[in-house]
PDB file of N, CA and C in Angstrom:
ATOM      1  N   MET A   1     -12.483 -39.647  -4.466  1.00  0.00           N
ATOM      2  CA  MET A   1     -12.849 -38.775  -4.934  1.00  0.00           C
ATOM      3  C   MET A   1     -11.020 -37.852  -5.758  1.00  0.00           C
ATOM      4  N   GLY A   2     -11.523 -37.324  -6.967  1.00  0.00           N
ATOM      5  CA  GLY A   2      -9.866 -36.715  -7.277  1.00  0.00           C
ATOM      6  C   GLY A   2      -9.516 -35.559  -6.656  1.00  0.00           C
ATOM      7  N   GLY A   3      -8.365 -35.070  -6.461  1.00  0.00           N
ATOM      8  CA  GLY A   3      -8.232 -34.077  -6.086  1.00  0.00           C
ATOM      9  C   GLY A   3      -7.608 -32.998  -7.171  1.00  0.00           C
ATOM     10  N   MET A   4      -7.640 -31.939  -7.194  1.00  0.00           N
ATOM     11  CA  MET A   4      -7.124 -30.766  -7.661  1.00  0.00           C
ATOM     12  C   MET A   4      -5.998 -31.218  -8.578  1.00  0.00           C
ATOM     13  N   ILE A   5      -5.885 -30.696  -9.801  1.00  0.00           N
ATOM     14  CA  ILE A   5      -4.521 -31.095 -10.933  1.00  0.00           C
ATOM     15  C   ILE A   5      -3.797 -29.708 -10.463  1.00  0.00           C
ATOM     16  N   ALA A   6      -2.522 -29.703  -9.461  1.00  0.00           N
ATOM     17  CA  ALA A   6      -1.617 -29.031  -9.400  1.00  0.00           C
ATOM     18  C   ALA A   6      -0.625 -28.250 -10.865  1.00  0.00           C
ATOM     19  N   TRP A   7      -0.613 -27.446 -11.528  1.00  0.00           N
ATOM     20  CA  TRP A   7       0.330 -27.349 -12.753  1.00  0.00           C
ATOM     21  C   TRP A   7       1.466 -26.421 -12.076  1.00  0.00           C
ATOM     22  N   GLU A   8       2.289 -26.524 -13.092  1.00  0.00           N
ATOM     23  CA  GLU A   8       3.605 -25.605 -12.921  1.00  0.00           C
ATOM     24  C   GLU A   8       3.603 -24.829 -14.882  1.00  0.00           C
ATOM     25  N   TYR A   9       4.274 -23.902 -14.801  1.00  0.00           N
ATOM     26  CA  TYR A   9       4.020 -23.224 -16.141  1.00  0.00           C
ATOM     27  C   TYR A   9       5.418 -22.502 -16.158  1.00  0.00           C
ATOM     28  N   ALA A  10       5.573 -22.067 -17.519  1.00  0.00           N
ATOM     29  CA  ALA A  10       7.267 -21.660 -18.132  1.00  0.00           C
ATOM     30  C   ALA A  10       6.644 -21.158 -19.470  1.00  0.00           C
ATOM     31  N   LEU A  11       7.667 -20.448 -19.956  1.00  0.00           N
ATOM     32  CA  LEU A  11       7.387 -19.283 -20.942  1.00  0.00           C
ATOM     33  C   LEU A  11       8.692 -19.814 -21.831  1.00  0.00           C
ATOM     34  N   LEU A  12       8.402 -20.127 -23.205  1.00  0.00           N
ATOM     35  CA  LEU A  12       9.775 -20.155 -24.342  1.00  0.00           C
ATOM     36  C   LEU A  12       9.106 -18.518 -24.875  1.00  0.00           C
ATOM     37  N   VAL A  13      10.445 -18.109 -25.626  1.00  0.00           N
ATOM     38  CA  VAL A  13      10.144 -16.833 -26.501  1.00  0.00           C
ATOM     39  C   VAL A  13      11.498 -16.613 -27.643  1.00  0.00           C
ATOM     40  N   ARG A  14      10.636 -16.643 -28.788  1.00  0.00           N
ATOM     41  CA  ARG A  14      11.265 -16.794 -29.641  1.00  0.00           C
ATOM     42  C   ARG A  14      11.409 -14.948 -29.914  1.00  0.00           C
ATOM     43  N   ARG A  15      12.844 -14.345 -30.336  1.00  0.00           N
ATOM     44  CA  ARG A  15      12.822 -13.279 -30.438  1.00  0.00           C
ATOM     45  C   ARG A  15      13.446 -13.348 -32.305  1.00  0.00           C
ATOM     46  N   TYR A  16      13.186 -12.295 -32.925  1.00  0.00           N
ATOM     47  CA  TYR A  16      13.666 -12.109 -34.395  1.00  0.00           C
ATOM     48  C   TYR A  16      14.208 -10.494 -34.460  1.00  0.00           C
ATOM     49  N   GLN A  17      15.254 -10.408 -34.446  1.00  0.00           N
ATOM     50  CA  GLN A  17      15.832  -9.017 -34.626  1.00  0.00           C
ATOM     51  C   GLN A  17      16.652  -9.228 -36.394  1.00  0.00           C
ATOM     52  N   GLY A  18      16.507  -8.141 -37.066  1.00  0.00           N
ATOM     53  CA  GLY A  18      16.930  -7.677 -38.274  1.00  0.00           C
ATOM     54  C   GLY A  18      16.889  -7.156 -39.303  1.00  0.00           C
ATOM     55  N   GLN A  19      17.103  -6.873 -40.155  1.00  0.00           N
ATOM     56  CA  GLN A  19      17.028  -6.048 -41.281  1.00  0.00           C
ATOM     57  C   GLN A  19      17.502  -6.584 -42.588  1.00  0.00           C
ATOM     58  N   GLY A  20      16.741  -6.575 -43.612  1.00  0.00           N
ATOM     59  CA  GLY A  20      16.822  -7.156 -44.755  1.00  0.00           C
ATOM     60  C   GLY A  20      17.668  -8.358 -44.282  1.00  0.00           C
ATOM     61  N   ARG A  21      18.668  -8.999 -45.239  1.00  0.00           N
ATOM     62  CA  ARG A  21      19.571 -10.389 -44.873  1.00  0.00           C
ATOM     63  C   ARG A  21      20.013 -10.405 -43.659  1.00  0.00           C
ATOM     64  N   ASN A  22      20.413  -9.851 -42.911  1.00  0.00           N
ATOM     65  CA  ASN A  22      20.849  -9.535 -41.810  1.00  0.00           C
ATOM     66  C   ASN A  22      19.819  -9.949 -40.378  1.00  0.00           C
ATOM     67  N   PHE A  23      19.689 -10.682 -39.834  1.00  0.00           N
ATOM     68  CA  PHE A  23      18.475 -11.313 -38.894  1.00  0.00           C
ATOM     69  C   PHE A  23      19.306 -11.924 -37.941  1.00  0.00           C
ATOM     70  N   HIS A  24      18.612 -12.060 -36.744  1.00  0.00           N
ATOM     71  CA  HIS A  24      19.347 -13.111 -35.687  1.00  0.00           C
ATOM     72  C   HIS A  24      18.062 -13.430 -34.620  1.00  0.00           C
ATOM     73  N   VAL A  25      17.844 -14.723 -34.760  1.00  0.00           N
ATOM     74  CA  VAL A  25      17.025 -15.646 -34.025  1.00  0.00           C
ATOM     75  C   VAL A  25      17.306 -16.035 -33.098  1.00  0.00           C
ATOM     76  N   THR A  26      16.792 -16.071 -31.421  1.00  0.00           N
ATOM     77  CA  THR A  26      17.640 -16.430 -30.271  1.00  0.00           C
ATOM     78  C   THR A  26      16.127 -17.226 -29.438  1.00  0.00           C
ATOM     79  N   PHE A  27      16.107 -18.091 -28.881  1.00  0.00           N
ATOM     80  CA  PHE A  27      15.231 -18.547 -28.207  1.00  0.00           C
ATOM     81  C   PHE A  27      15.143 -18.564 -26.433  1.00  0.00           C
ATOM     82  N   VAL A  28      14.801 -18.342 -25.550  1.00  0.00           N
ATOM     83  CA  VAL A  28      15.141 -18.228 -24.238  1.00  0.00           C
ATOM     84  C   VAL A  28      13.691 -18.731 -23.784  1.00  0.00           C
ATOM     85  N   TRP A  29      14.318 -20.097 -22.613  1.00  0.00           N
ATOM     86  CA  TRP A  29      13.250 -20.744 -22.211  1.00  0.00           C
ATOM     87  C   TRP A  29      12.963 -20.066 -20.485  1.00  0.00           C
ATOM     88  N   TYR A  30      11.929 -19.712 -20.047  1.00  0.00           N
ATOM     89  CA  TYR A  30      11.764 -19.262 -18.688  1.00  0.00           C
ATOM     90  C   TYR A  30      10.617 -20.376 -17.463  1.00  0.00           C
ATOM     91  N   GLY A  31      12.219 -20.744 -16.789  1.00  0.00           N
ATOM     92  CA  GLY A  31      11.657 -22.354 -16.089  1.00  0.00           C
ATOM     93  C   GLY A  31      10.357 -22.533 -15.108  1.00  0.00           C
ATOM     94  N   PRO A  32      10.332 -23.182 -14.582  1.00  0.00           N
ATOM     95  CA  PRO A  32       8.810 -22.691 -13.493  1.00  0.00           C
ATOM     96  C   PRO A  32       9.826 -22.044 -12.296  1.00  0.00           C
ATOM     97  N   ASP A  33      10.963 -22.327 -12.038  1.00  0.00           N
ATOM     98  CA  ASP A  33      11.846 -22.057 -10.962  1.00  0.00           C
ATOM     99  C   ASP A  33      12.206 -20.529 -10.882  1.00  0.00           C
ATOM    100  N   GLY A  34      11.806 -19.796 -11.817  1.00  0.00           N
ATOM    101  CA  GLY A  34      12.804 -18.730 -11.952  1.00  0.00           C
ATOM    102  C   GLY A  34      13.839 -18.831 -13.350  1.00  0.00           C
ATOM    103  N   SER A  35      14.099 -19.678 -13.845  1.00  0.00           N
ATOM    104  CA  SER A  35      15.749 -19.279 -14.377  1.00  0.00           C
ATOM    105  C   SER A  35      15.141 -19.055 -15.511  1.00  0.00           C
ATOM    106  N   ARG A  36      16.250 -18.403 -16.265  1.00  0.00           N
ATOM    107  CA  ARG A  36      16.400 -18.246 -17.315  1.00  0.00           C
ATOM    108  C   ARG A  36      17.397 -19.126 -18.480  1.00  0.00           C
ATOM    109  N   LYS A  37      17.538 -19.575 -19.218  1.00  0.00           N
ATOM    110  CA  LYS A  37      18.354 -19.966 -20.190  1.00  0.00           C
ATOM    111  C   LYS A  37      18.049 -19.854 -22.275  1.00  0.00           C
ATOM    112  N   ASP A  38      19.395 -19.668 -22.139  1.00  0.00           N
ATOM    113  CA  ASP A  38      19.265 -19.485 -23.696  1.00  0.00           C
ATOM    114  C   ASP A  38      19.240 -20.958 -24.193  1.00  0.00           C
ATOM    115  N   VAL A  39      18.303 -21.216 -25.270  1.00  0.00           N
ATOM    116  CA  VAL A  39      18.140 -22.655 -26.115  1.00  0.00           C
ATOM    117  C   VAL A  39      18.151 -22.122 -27.117  1.00  0.00           C
ATOM    118  N   THR A  40      18.545 -21.482 -27.434  1.00  0.00           N
ATOM    119  CA  THR A  40      18.893 -21.159 -29.364  1.00  0.00           C
ATOM    120  C   THR A  40      19.151 -22.486 -29.440  1.00  0.00           C
ATOM    121  N   ALA A  41      20.858 -23.096 -29.170  1.00  0.00           N
ATOM    122  CA  ALA A  41      21.184 -23.962 -29.607  1.00  0.00           C
ATOM    123  C   ALA A  41      20.597 -25.446 -30.250  1.00  0.00           C
ATOM    124  N   TYR A  42      19.465 -25.493 -29.288  1.00  0.00           N
ATOM    125  CA  TYR A  42      18.589 -26.794 -29.478  1.00  0.00           C
ATOM    126  C   TYR A  42      17.888 -27.077 -30.632  1.00  0.00           C
ATOM    127  N   GLY A  43      17.807 -25.813 -31.534  1.00  0.00           N
ATOM    128  CA  GLY A  43      16.780 -25.747 -32.622  1.00  0.00           C
ATOM    129  C   GLY A  43      16.605 -24.561 -33.300  1.00  0.00           C
ATOM    130  N   ASP A  44      16.304 -24.625 -34.571  1.00  0.00           N
ATOM    131  CA  ASP A  44      16.234 -23.494 -35.260  1.00  0.00           C
ATOM    132  C   ASP A  44      14.697 -22.789 -35.623  1.00  0.00           C
ATOM    133  N   THR A  45      14.033 -23.693 -34.937  1.00  0.00           N
ATOM    134  CA  THR A  45      12.505 -23.331 -35.201  1.00  0.00           C
ATOM    135  C   THR A  45      11.639 -23.182 -33.899  1.00  0.00           C
ATOM    136  N   ALA A  46      10.775 -22.481 -33.880  1.00  0.00           N
ATOM    137  CA  ALA A  46       9.780 -22.796 -32.502  1.00  0.00           C
ATOM    138  C   ALA A  46       9.281 -24.167 -32.644  1.00  0.00           C
ATOM    139  N   VAL A  47       8.518 -25.097 -33.410  1.00  0.00           N
ATOM    140  CA  VAL A  47       8.240 -26.272 -33.421  1.00  0.00           C
ATOM    141  C   VAL A  47       9.390 -27.343 -33.173  1.00  0.00           C
ATOM    142  N   ALA A  48      10.265 -27.131 -33.386  1.00  0.00           N
ATOM    143  CA  ALA A  48      11.926 -27.981 -32.845  1.00  0.00           C
ATOM    144  C   ALA A  48      11.721 -27.815 -31.046  1.00  0.00           C
ATOM    145  N   HIS A  49      11.926 -26.639 -30.936  1.00  0.00           N
ATOM    146  CA  HIS A  49      11.597 -26.308 -29.497  1.00  0.00           C
ATOM    147  C   HIS A  49      10.379 -26.913 -28.736  1.00  0.00           C
ATOM    148  N   LEU A  50       9.019 -26.632 -29.238  1.00  0.00           N
ATOM    149  CA  LEU A  50       7.970 -27.187 -28.377  1.00  0.00           C
ATOM    150  C   LEU A  50       7.862 -28.528 -28.627  1.00  0.00           C
ATOM    151  N   ASN A  51       8.136 -29.132 -29.324  1.00  0.00           N
ATOM    152  CA  ASN A  51       8.464 -30.432 -30.029  1.00  0.00           C
ATOM    153  C   ASN A  51       9.568 -31.255 -28.649  1.00  0.00           C
ATOM    154  N   ARG A  52      10.449 -30.493 -28.510  1.00  0.00           N
ATOM    155  CA  ARG A  52      11.298 -31.201 -27.414  1.00  0.00           C
ATOM    156  C   ARG A  52      10.942 -30.615 -26.297  1.00  0.00           C
ATOM    157  N   VAL A  53       9.847 -29.845 -25.696  1.00  0.00           N
ATOM    158  CA  VAL A  53       9.785 -30.251 -24.538  1.00  0.00           C
ATOM    159  C   VAL A  53       8.043 -30.214 -23.993  1.00  0.00           C
ATOM    160  N   GLY A  54       7.536 -31.005 -25.306  1.00  0.00           N
ATOM    161  CA  GLY A  54       6.430 -31.735 -25.167  1.00  0.00           C
ATOM    162  C   GLY A  54       6.622 -33.111 -25.052  1.00  0.00           C
ATOM    163  N   ARG A  55       7.868 -33.129 -25.503  1.00  0.00           N
ATOM    164  CA  ARG A  55       8.515 -35.045 -24.917  1.00  0.00           C
ATOM    165  C   ARG A  55       9.197 -34.586 -23.300  1.00  0.00           C
ATOM    166  N   GLU A  56       9.177 -33.462 -22.711  1.00  0.00           N
ATOM    167  CA  GLU A  56       9.396 -33.709 -21.155  1.00  0.00           C
ATOM    168  C   GLU A  56       8.053 -33.226 -20.597  1.00  0.00           C
ATOM    169  N   GLY A  57       6.604 -33.512 -21.026  1.00  0.00           N
ATOM    170  CA  GLY A  57       5.133 -33.147 -20.610  1.00  0.00           C
ATOM    171  C   GLY A  57       4.949 -31.812 -20.558  1.00  0.00           C
ATOM    172  N   TRP A  58       5.584 -31.379 -21.391  1.00  0.00           N
ATOM    173  CA  TRP A  58       4.474 -29.732 -21.589  1.00  0.00           C
ATOM    174  C   TRP A  58       3.855 -29.251 -22.473  1.00  0.00           C
ATOM    175  N   GLU A  59       2.770 -29.177 -22.233  1.00  0.00           N
ATOM    176  CA  GLU A  59       1.583 -28.358 -22.867  1.00  0.00           C
ATOM    177  C   GLU A  59       1.863 -27.232 -22.852  1.00  0.00           C
ATOM    178  N   LEU A  60       1.389 -26.516 -24.622  1.00  0.00           N
ATOM    179  CA  LEU A  60       1.488 -25.227 -25.081  1.00  0.00           C
ATOM    180  C   LEU A  60      -0.141 -24.835 -24.559  1.00  0.00           C
ATOM    181  N   VAL A  61      -0.156 -23.480 -23.986  1.00  0.00           N
ATOM    182  CA  VAL A  61      -1.381 -23.359 -23.393  1.00  0.00           C
ATOM    183  C   VAL A  61      -1.964 -21.758 -24.271  1.00  0.00           C
ATOM    184  N   THR A  62      -1.288 -21.170 -24.634  1.00  0.00           N
ATOM    185  CA  THR A  62      -1.295 -19.676 -25.431  1.00  0.00           C
ATOM    186  C   THR A  62      -0.507 -19.358 -26.239  1.00  0.00           C
ATOM    187  N   ALA A  63      -0.232 -18.848 -27.389  1.00  0.00           N
ATOM    188  CA  ALA A  63       0.769 -18.135 -27.906  1.00  0.00           C
ATOM    189  C   ALA A  63       0.627 -16.866 -28.348  1.00  0.00           C
ATOM    190  N   ALA A  64       1.191 -16.091 -28.429  1.00  0.00           N
ATOM    191  CA  ALA A  64       1.538 -14.645 -28.426  1.00  0.00           C
ATOM    192  C   ALA A  64       2.500 -13.989 -29.500  1.00  0.00           C
ATOM    193  N   GLU A  65       2.169 -12.781 -30.160  1.00  0.00           N
ATOM    194  CA  GLU A  65       3.441 -12.367 -30.889  1.00  0.00           C
ATOM    195  C   GLU A  65       3.145 -10.923 -31.135  1.00  0.00           C
ATOM    196  N   ASP A  66       4.591 -10.310 -31.143  1.00  0.00           N
ATOM    197  CA  ASP A  66       4.392  -8.767 -30.805  1.00  0.00           C
ATOM    198  C   ASP A  66       4.952  -8.271 -32.049  1.00  0.00           C
ATOM    199  N   VAL A  67       5.070  -7.444 -33.244  1.00  0.00           N
ATOM    200  CA  VAL A  67       5.903  -6.979 -34.782  1.00  0.00           C
ATOM    201  C   VAL A  67       6.109  -5.871 -34.102  1.00  0.00           C
ATOM    202  N   ASN A  68       7.269  -5.290 -34.443  1.00  0.00           N
ATOM    203  CA  ASN A  68       7.957  -3.577 -34.309  1.00  0.00           C
ATOM    204  C   ASN A  68       8.295  -3.775 -35.423  1.00  0.00           C
ATOM    205  N   ASN A  69       7.862  -3.010 -36.536  1.00  0.00           N
ATOM    206  CA  ASN A  69       8.520  -2.874 -37.564  1.00  0.00           C
ATOM    207  C   ASN A  69       8.711  -1.216 -38.113  1.00  0.00           C
ATOM    208  N   VAL A  70       9.359  -0.230 -37.365  1.00  0.00           N
ATOM    209  CA  VAL A  70       9.614   1.074 -37.113  1.00  0.00           C
ATOM    210  C   VAL A  70      11.269   1.125 -37.439  1.00  0.00           C
ATOM    211  N   GLN A  71      11.809   0.570 -36.881  1.00  0.00           N
ATOM    212  CA  GLN A  71      13.842   0.567 -37.742  1.00  0.00           C
ATOM    213  C   GLN A  71      13.732  -1.054 -37.746  1.00  0.00           C
ATOM    214  N   GLY A  72      14.087  -1.297 -38.858  1.00  0.00           N
ATOM    215  CA  GLY A  72      14.417  -2.764 -39.051  1.00  0.00           C
ATOM    216  C   GLY A  72      13.069  -3.244 -38.559  1.00  0.00           C
ATOM    217  N   SER A  73      13.402  -4.629 -37.882  1.00  0.00           N
ATOM    218  CA  SER A  73      12.130  -5.624 -38.197  1.00  0.00           C
ATOM    219  C   SER A  73      12.797  -6.666 -36.884  1.00  0.00           C
ATOM    220  N   THR A  74      11.657  -6.373 -36.133  1.00  0.00           N
ATOM    221  CA  THR A  74      11.804  -7.353 -34.435  1.00  0.00           C
ATOM    222  C   THR A  74      10.407  -8.068 -34.278  1.00  0.00           C
ATOM    223  N   GLU A  75      10.333  -9.174 -33.657  1.00  0.00           N
ATOM    224  CA  GLU A  75       9.541  -9.984 -33.741  1.00  0.00           C
ATOM    225  C   GLU A  75       9.918 -10.905 -32.299  1.00  0.00           C
ATOM    226  N   VAL A  76       8.555 -10.948 -31.480  1.00  0.00           N
ATOM    227  CA  VAL A  76       8.921 -11.284 -30.479  1.00  0.00           C
ATOM    228  C   VAL A  76       7.609 -12.486 -30.509  1.00  0.00           C
ATOM    229  N   HIS A  77       7.989 -13.867 -30.329  1.00  0.00           N
ATOM    230  CA  HIS A  77       6.281 -14.921 -30.096  1.00  0.00           C
ATOM    231  C   HIS A  77       7.182 -15.540 -28.706  1.00  0.00           C
ATOM    232  N   ARG A  78       5.787 -15.424 -27.746  1.00  0.00           N
ATOM    233  CA  ARG A  78       6.060 -15.975 -26.438  1.00  0.00           C
ATOM    234  C   ARG A  78       4.756 -17.658 -26.749  1.00  0.00           C
ATOM    235  N   TYR A  79       5.532 -18.281 -26.068  1.00  0.00           N
ATOM    236  CA  TYR A  79       4.857 -19.577 -25.908  1.00  0.00           C
ATOM    237  C   TYR A  79       4.826 -19.858 -24.343  1.00  0.00           C
ATOM    238  N   HIS A  80       3.362 -19.900 -23.996  1.00  0.00           N
ATOM    239  CA  HIS A  80       2.890 -19.907 -22.660  1.00  0.00           C
ATOM    240  C   HIS A  80       2.984 -21.834 -22.660  1.00  0.00           C
ATOM    241  N   LEU A  81       3.150 -22.477 -21.215  1.00  0.00           N
ATOM    242  CA  LEU A  81       3.349 -24.029 -21.298  1.00  0.00           C
ATOM    243  C   LEU A  81       3.031 -24.135 -20.231  1.00  0.00           C
ATOM    244  N   LYS A  82       2.048 -25.205 -19.534  1.00  0.00           N
ATOM    245  CA  LYS A  82       2.234 -25.984 -18.522  1.00  0.00           C
ATOM    246  C   LYS A  82       2.453 -27.311 -18.884  1.00  0.00           C
ATOM    247  N   ARG A  83       2.464 -28.032 -17.265  1.00  0.00           N
ATOM    248  CA  ARG A  83       2.938 -29.470 -16.900  1.00  0.00           C
ATOM    249  C   ARG A  83       1.891 -29.487 -15.568  1.00  0.00           C
ATOM    250  N   PRO A  84       1.720 -30.883 -15.722  1.00  0.00           N
ATOM    251  CA  PRO A  84       1.239 -31.195 -14.234  1.00  0.00           C
ATOM    252  C   PRO A  84       2.641 -31.330 -12.928  1.00  0.00           C
ATOM    253  N   LEU A  85       1.911 -30.940 -11.957  1.00  0.00           N
ATOM    254  CA  LEU A  85       3.314 -30.776 -11.093  1.00  0.00           C
ATOM    255  C   LEU A  85       2.870 -32.542 -10.780  1.00  0.00           C
ATOM    256  N   ASN A  86       4.088 -33.376 -10.177  1.00  0.00           N
ATOM    257  CA  ASN A  86       4.696 -34.528 -10.069  1.00  0.00           C
ATOM    258  C   ASN A  86       4.027 -34.638  -8.334  1.00  0.00           C
TER     259      ASN A  86
END
């Protein structure tokens, strides 16, 4: 009989902040060990980042979006990922 699969989880956060033509997009990776790393340089779209970590065995579990348009514009997209522990 097979045992249960143990998973590890991570989070990719895309943050868009801007007003008009002035905007800034960043991507931050929160690893399963509690680490936090700015991974913006690895790609300028969420798809590029998801494909990169997909090649490392990560699977997208859920995605969520928060939008605040009170002063300018702020969007935060959270991508929750998992992969089996080896």
